[in-house]
Each structure stands twice: as C-alpha cells, then as structure tokens.
N, C-alpha and C. Protein backbone atom coordinates (compact mmCIF):
# COMPACT_ATOMS: atom_id res chain seq x y z
N UNK A 1 26.09 -82.05 -18.51
CA UNK A 1 26.91 -81.59 -18.45
C UNK A 1 27.79 -80.53 -18.20
N UNK A 2 28.81 -79.60 -17.65
CA UNK A 2 29.15 -78.51 -17.74
C UNK A 2 30.22 -77.66 -18.69
N UNK A 3 29.68 -76.85 -19.22
CA UNK A 3 30.73 -76.57 -19.82
C UNK A 3 31.72 -75.56 -19.28
N UNK A 4 33.03 -76.13 -19.69
CA UNK A 4 34.46 -75.62 -19.26
C UNK A 4 34.06 -73.83 -19.10
N UNK A 5 35.26 -73.11 -18.10
CA UNK A 5 35.28 -71.96 -18.09
C UNK A 5 35.01 -70.99 -19.40
N UNK A 6 35.52 -71.70 -20.19
CA UNK A 6 36.54 -71.23 -21.95
C UNK A 6 35.45 -71.00 -22.89
N UNK A 7 35.11 -71.95 -22.77
CA UNK A 7 33.65 -72.08 -23.36
C UNK A 7 32.45 -71.62 -23.39
N UNK A 8 31.77 -71.86 -22.42
CA UNK A 8 31.22 -71.07 -21.38
C UNK A 8 31.42 -69.72 -22.05
N UNK A 9 32.19 -69.31 -21.81
CA UNK A 9 32.90 -67.33 -22.18
C UNK A 9 32.61 -67.17 -24.00
N UNK A 10 33.42 -68.33 -24.40
CA UNK A 10 33.23 -67.83 -26.08
C UNK A 10 30.83 -68.81 -26.62
N UNK A 11 30.85 -69.65 -25.98
CA UNK A 11 29.43 -69.65 -26.01
C UNK A 11 28.85 -68.19 -25.70
N UNK A 12 29.23 -67.61 -24.45
CA UNK A 12 28.40 -65.81 -24.21
C UNK A 12 28.21 -65.00 -24.53
N UNK A 13 30.01 -65.19 -25.48
CA UNK A 13 29.93 -64.15 -26.49
C UNK A 13 28.54 -63.93 -27.60
N UNK A 14 28.39 -65.27 -28.16
CA UNK A 14 27.72 -65.78 -29.40
C UNK A 14 26.38 -65.51 -28.71
N UNK A 15 26.00 -65.56 -27.50
CA UNK A 15 24.44 -64.78 -26.56
C UNK A 15 24.42 -63.48 -27.07
N UNK A 16 25.45 -63.03 -26.74
CA UNK A 16 25.37 -61.36 -26.92
C UNK A 16 24.81 -61.80 -28.21
N UNK A 17 26.25 -61.60 -29.05
CA UNK A 17 25.95 -61.40 -30.76
C UNK A 17 24.36 -62.05 -31.13
N UNK A 18 23.85 -62.38 -30.59
CA UNK A 18 22.54 -62.75 -30.99
C UNK A 18 20.91 -61.66 -30.14
N UNK A 19 21.42 -61.37 -29.26
CA UNK A 19 20.71 -60.26 -28.75
C UNK A 19 20.73 -58.73 -29.21
N UNK A 20 22.58 -58.90 -29.72
CA UNK A 20 22.55 -57.12 -30.71
C UNK A 20 21.83 -57.00 -31.78
N UNK A 21 21.83 -58.02 -32.04
CA UNK A 21 21.31 -58.95 -33.74
C UNK A 21 19.45 -59.14 -34.27
N UNK A 22 19.54 -60.21 -33.12
CA UNK A 22 18.03 -60.71 -33.15
C UNK A 22 18.15 -61.39 -34.01
N UNK A 23 17.14 -62.57 -33.78
CA UNK A 23 16.72 -64.04 -34.24
C UNK A 23 17.01 -64.37 -35.67
N UNK A 24 16.37 -63.01 -35.94
CA UNK A 24 16.42 -63.91 -37.44
C UNK A 24 17.28 -63.03 -37.81
N UNK A 25 17.97 -62.23 -38.07
CA UNK A 25 20.06 -62.53 -38.33
C UNK A 25 21.02 -63.74 -37.52
N UNK A 26 20.15 -63.98 -36.76
CA UNK A 26 20.71 -64.63 -35.99
C UNK A 26 21.12 -66.41 -36.99
N UNK A 27 19.82 -66.48 -37.08
CA UNK A 27 19.81 -67.74 -37.37
C UNK A 27 20.29 -67.92 -39.07
N UNK A 28 20.50 -66.26 -40.19
CA UNK A 28 20.64 -66.54 -41.33
C UNK A 28 22.50 -66.70 -41.02
N UNK A 29 23.26 -66.01 -39.66
CA UNK A 29 24.43 -66.27 -39.51
C UNK A 29 24.50 -67.40 -39.40
N UNK A 30 23.57 -68.35 -38.91
CA UNK A 30 23.37 -69.94 -37.90
C UNK A 30 24.38 -69.38 -36.92
N UNK A 31 24.33 -68.74 -36.36
CA UNK A 31 24.43 -69.25 -34.93
C UNK A 31 23.10 -69.47 -34.24
N UNK A 32 22.05 -69.60 -34.84
CA UNK A 32 21.33 -70.88 -33.81
C UNK A 32 20.51 -71.02 -35.34
N UNK A 33 20.32 -72.89 -35.07
CA UNK A 33 19.12 -73.04 -35.49
C UNK A 33 18.34 -74.20 -34.44
N UNK A 34 16.82 -74.27 -35.85
CA UNK A 34 16.17 -75.90 -34.93
C UNK A 34 16.47 -76.77 -35.11
N UNK A 35 16.23 -76.78 -34.29
CA UNK A 35 16.68 -79.17 -33.85
C UNK A 35 15.70 -79.97 -34.22
N UNK A 36 14.28 -80.06 -33.07
CA UNK A 36 13.20 -80.04 -33.42
C UNK A 36 12.13 -80.09 -32.60
N UNK A 37 10.79 -80.26 -33.10
CA UNK A 37 9.37 -79.26 -32.15
C UNK A 37 9.94 -78.30 -32.07
N UNK A 38 10.04 -77.86 -30.26
CA UNK A 38 9.98 -76.59 -29.89
C UNK A 38 11.68 -75.95 -29.42
N UNK A 39 12.44 -77.02 -29.35
CA UNK A 39 14.16 -77.27 -29.11
C UNK A 39 14.81 -76.66 -30.21
N UNK A 40 15.54 -75.23 -30.05
CA UNK A 40 16.55 -74.95 -30.87
C UNK A 40 18.25 -74.73 -30.15
N UNK A 41 18.67 -74.77 -31.06
CA UNK A 41 20.56 -74.26 -30.64
C UNK A 41 21.38 -73.84 -31.54
N UNK A 42 21.67 -72.78 -30.19
CA UNK A 42 22.93 -72.15 -30.81
C UNK A 42 24.21 -72.77 -30.37
N UNK A 43 25.07 -71.92 -31.49
CA UNK A 43 26.03 -72.86 -32.32
C UNK A 43 27.15 -71.77 -32.05
N UNK A 44 28.30 -72.04 -31.29
CA UNK A 44 29.08 -70.73 -31.50
C UNK A 44 30.54 -71.66 -31.64
N UNK A 45 31.00 -71.56 -32.51
CA UNK A 45 32.76 -71.70 -33.09
C UNK A 45 33.64 -71.13 -33.16
N UNK A 46 34.61 -71.46 -32.32
CA UNK A 46 35.46 -70.57 -32.54
C UNK A 46 36.88 -71.77 -32.54
N UNK A 47 37.71 -71.14 -33.79
CA UNK A 47 38.49 -72.73 -34.64
C UNK A 47 37.97 -73.37 -34.35
N UNK A 48 38.02 -74.61 -33.70
CA UNK A 48 37.68 -75.83 -34.19
C UNK A 48 37.34 -76.89 -32.86
N UNK A 49 37.08 -75.71 -31.91
CA UNK A 49 35.64 -76.17 -31.10
C UNK A 49 34.70 -75.38 -30.57
N UNK A 50 33.46 -76.11 -30.86
CA UNK A 50 31.99 -75.78 -31.28
C UNK A 50 31.06 -75.87 -29.25
N UNK A 51 31.21 -75.19 -29.27
CA UNK A 51 29.87 -75.00 -28.75
C UNK A 51 28.52 -75.29 -29.02
N UNK A 52 27.33 -75.42 -28.24
CA UNK A 52 26.15 -75.50 -28.17
C UNK A 52 25.58 -75.64 -27.31
N UNK A 53 24.65 -75.58 -27.25
CA UNK A 53 23.34 -74.93 -25.90
C UNK A 53 22.05 -75.32 -26.51
N UNK A 54 20.93 -75.40 -26.44
CA UNK A 54 20.62 -76.00 -26.66
C UNK A 54 18.50 -74.71 -25.55
N UNK A 55 17.91 -74.83 -26.27
CA UNK A 55 17.45 -73.83 -26.25
C UNK A 55 15.96 -73.81 -26.27
N UNK A 56 14.92 -72.89 -25.24
CA UNK A 56 13.21 -72.90 -26.18
C UNK A 56 12.49 -71.53 -25.69
N UNK A 57 11.92 -71.15 -26.63
CA UNK A 57 10.99 -70.53 -26.93
C UNK A 57 9.97 -70.14 -24.74
N UNK A 58 9.90 -69.42 -24.50
CA UNK A 58 9.34 -69.69 -22.72
C UNK A 58 7.51 -68.36 -23.51
N UNK A 59 8.35 -67.06 -23.22
CA UNK A 59 7.43 -66.34 -23.65
C UNK A 59 7.88 -64.38 -23.90
N UNK A 60 6.80 -64.23 -24.80
CA UNK A 60 7.16 -63.10 -25.09
C UNK A 60 8.61 -63.02 -25.90
N UNK A 61 9.53 -62.24 -25.64
CA UNK A 61 11.09 -62.28 -25.87
C UNK A 61 12.24 -62.58 -25.10
N UNK A 62 11.08 -63.78 -24.39
CA UNK A 62 11.98 -64.09 -23.57
C UNK A 62 12.43 -66.24 -23.51
N UNK A 63 13.70 -66.44 -23.44
CA UNK A 63 14.21 -68.01 -24.50
C UNK A 63 14.41 -68.30 -22.93
N UNK A 64 13.99 -69.56 -23.43
CA UNK A 64 14.99 -70.35 -21.64
C UNK A 64 16.38 -71.23 -22.31
N UNK A 65 17.69 -71.62 -21.96
CA UNK A 65 18.50 -71.82 -22.49
C UNK A 65 18.62 -73.55 -21.40
N UNK A 66 18.64 -74.03 -21.66
CA UNK A 66 18.61 -75.49 -21.11
C UNK A 66 19.76 -76.05 -20.73
N UNK A 67 20.80 -76.03 -21.52
CA UNK A 67 22.05 -76.94 -20.96
C UNK A 67 22.38 -76.42 -22.12
N UNK A 68 24.21 -76.10 -21.65
CA UNK A 68 25.64 -76.23 -23.00
C UNK A 68 26.89 -77.59 -22.97
N UNK A 69 26.68 -77.70 -24.43
CA UNK A 69 27.82 -79.11 -24.35
C UNK A 69 28.81 -78.69 -25.30
N UNK A 70 29.86 -79.03 -25.48
CA UNK A 70 30.90 -78.94 -26.67
C UNK A 70 30.64 -80.78 -27.31
N UNK A 71 30.27 -80.43 -28.85
CA UNK A 71 30.11 -81.14 -29.91
C UNK A 71 29.60 -81.41 -30.55
N UNK A 72 29.23 -82.38 -31.99
CA UNK A 72 27.47 -82.48 -32.00
C UNK A 72 26.69 -83.08 -31.08
N UNK A 73 25.37 -82.54 -31.96
CA UNK A 73 24.44 -82.65 -30.98
C UNK A 73 23.30 -84.04 -31.16
N UNK A 74 23.63 -84.35 -30.07
CA UNK A 74 23.37 -86.27 -30.03
C UNK A 74 21.65 -85.38 -29.87
N UNK A 75 20.79 -87.10 -29.99
CA UNK A 75 19.63 -87.24 -30.09
C UNK A 75 19.36 -87.01 -28.86
N UNK A 76 20.06 -87.39 -27.80
CA UNK A 76 20.09 -87.48 -25.95
C UNK A 76 20.06 -85.60 -24.77
N UNK A 77 20.82 -85.24 -26.22
CA UNK A 77 21.14 -83.65 -25.83
C UNK A 77 19.15 -83.09 -26.45
N UNK A 78 19.13 -83.65 -27.38
CA UNK A 78 17.71 -83.01 -27.72
C UNK A 78 15.99 -83.35 -26.83
N UNK A 79 16.82 -85.02 -26.10
CA UNK A 79 15.88 -84.91 -25.25
C UNK A 79 15.49 -84.36 -24.02
N UNK A 80 17.09 -83.81 -23.62
CA UNK A 80 16.57 -83.67 -22.55
C UNK A 80 16.59 -82.32 -22.17
N UNK A 81 16.39 -81.45 -23.55
CA UNK A 81 16.19 -79.82 -23.64
C UNK A 81 14.56 -80.82 -23.65
N UNK A 82 14.11 -81.35 -24.13
CA UNK A 82 12.87 -81.25 -24.19
C UNK A 82 12.16 -81.88 -22.55
N UNK A 83 13.13 -82.70 -22.43
CA UNK A 83 12.12 -82.59 -20.70
C UNK A 83 12.32 -81.35 -20.12
N UNK A 84 13.40 -80.56 -20.51
CA UNK A 84 12.84 -79.26 -19.33
C UNK A 84 11.94 -79.17 -20.20
N UNK A 85 11.43 -78.34 -21.61
CA UNK A 85 10.40 -77.65 -21.60
C UNK A 85 9.49 -77.88 -21.73
N UNK A 86 9.05 -79.81 -21.45
CA UNK A 86 7.90 -79.98 -20.89
C UNK A 86 7.69 -79.51 -19.95
N UNK A 87 8.41 -79.26 -18.34
CA UNK A 87 8.42 -79.07 -17.23
C UNK A 87 8.12 -77.44 -17.28
N UNK A 88 8.93 -77.15 -18.64
CA UNK A 88 8.57 -75.35 -18.40
C UNK A 88 6.81 -75.14 -18.04
N UNK A 89 6.73 -75.80 -19.27
CA UNK A 89 5.18 -75.79 -19.73
C UNK A 89 4.25 -76.73 -18.75
N UNK A 90 4.80 -77.00 -17.54
CA UNK A 90 3.54 -78.12 -16.60
C UNK A 90 3.68 -76.76 -14.89
N UNK A 91 4.62 -76.25 -14.67
CA UNK A 91 5.36 -76.46 -13.88
C UNK A 91 5.76 -74.68 -13.69
N UNK A 92 5.70 -73.90 -14.91
CA UNK A 92 6.17 -72.32 -15.56
C UNK A 92 7.43 -72.01 -14.92
N UNK A 93 8.35 -73.09 -14.55
CA UNK A 93 10.26 -72.45 -14.74
C UNK A 93 10.03 -74.09 -14.57
N UNK A 94 12.01 -73.61 -15.08
CA UNK A 94 12.45 -74.90 -14.96
C UNK A 94 13.66 -75.17 -13.94
N UNK A 95 14.40 -76.27 -13.88
CA UNK A 95 14.65 -76.98 -12.56
C UNK A 95 16.27 -76.65 -13.54
N UNK A 96 16.60 -76.47 -13.93
CA UNK A 96 17.84 -76.71 -14.49
C UNK A 96 18.96 -76.99 -13.40
N UNK A 97 19.78 -78.45 -13.17
CA UNK A 97 20.67 -78.55 -12.86
C UNK A 97 21.99 -77.65 -12.63
N UNK A 98 22.43 -76.76 -14.39
CA UNK A 98 22.98 -75.79 -14.71
C UNK A 98 22.99 -75.08 -14.76
N UNK A 99 23.12 -74.04 -14.65
CA UNK A 99 22.64 -72.35 -15.02
C UNK A 99 24.54 -71.72 -15.53
N UNK A 100 23.82 -71.30 -16.87
CA UNK A 100 24.49 -70.78 -18.11
C UNK A 100 24.67 -69.31 -17.45
N UNK A 101 25.85 -68.51 -17.02
CA UNK A 101 25.84 -67.29 -16.40
C UNK A 101 27.21 -66.55 -17.17
N UNK A 102 27.19 -65.79 -17.12
CA UNK A 102 28.20 -64.67 -17.30
C UNK A 102 29.48 -64.83 -16.62
N UNK A 103 30.68 -64.45 -17.27
CA UNK A 103 31.66 -64.30 -15.95
C UNK A 103 31.50 -63.13 -15.17
N UNK A 104 32.09 -62.86 -14.74
CA UNK A 104 32.37 -61.64 -13.72
C UNK A 104 33.46 -60.87 -14.00
N UNK A 105 33.44 -59.09 -14.24
CA UNK A 105 33.78 -59.13 -14.89
C UNK A 105 34.02 -57.64 -16.05
C-alpha cells in the first residue's frame, strides 16, 4: 500500500524527530514500538489520523523502512515486514515495491 503524499509527509516529520532525538527518546515518546522479532514500527499521529511504517535494524546506525500504511498494525503487515527482513539477511538488500522519499522542497 502506498501512503498518500499528505500522510507520507506526516510520517517523514516523525522520522525527522527520531533522527534528531535518537531511538531511546523515540521509544519513550512512543514514536517507535517493538512489534515482533526484529520488526519495529514508526508511529506518527496527527489529529485522528495515524500513519505507521514497519522497519528493522540493518547494520551500524542504519535501519530499513519496509513499508508504510494508515491504520492499526494487522499481523499481515508484520509478516510483510518480516519477509523484507529475511530478504535483506539473505541478499544484503531489500527490493521494496515502494520507497519512502522525502518530499522535494
């Protein structure tokens, strides 16, 4: 599922806060949450709309965001992220169908 541009921008704002403050603070602020195994989620809430993105730790201080969506995190989304994680571990890279990009400007 591809996030609409408006939701993507909100999620990117949360990612920027995580980059600025670090994962320890992001966990305290509940901007990130452990889901299962190696899979975590970024949680971005503005008004009644909640954007989420699954991610995992790659190496050093690098993390890979597998995909984003707007809703609670169903188990199917966790399984999708786990599939990307397994591909990364096998091949050293992820072939994600969509990339989360910062808006131009």
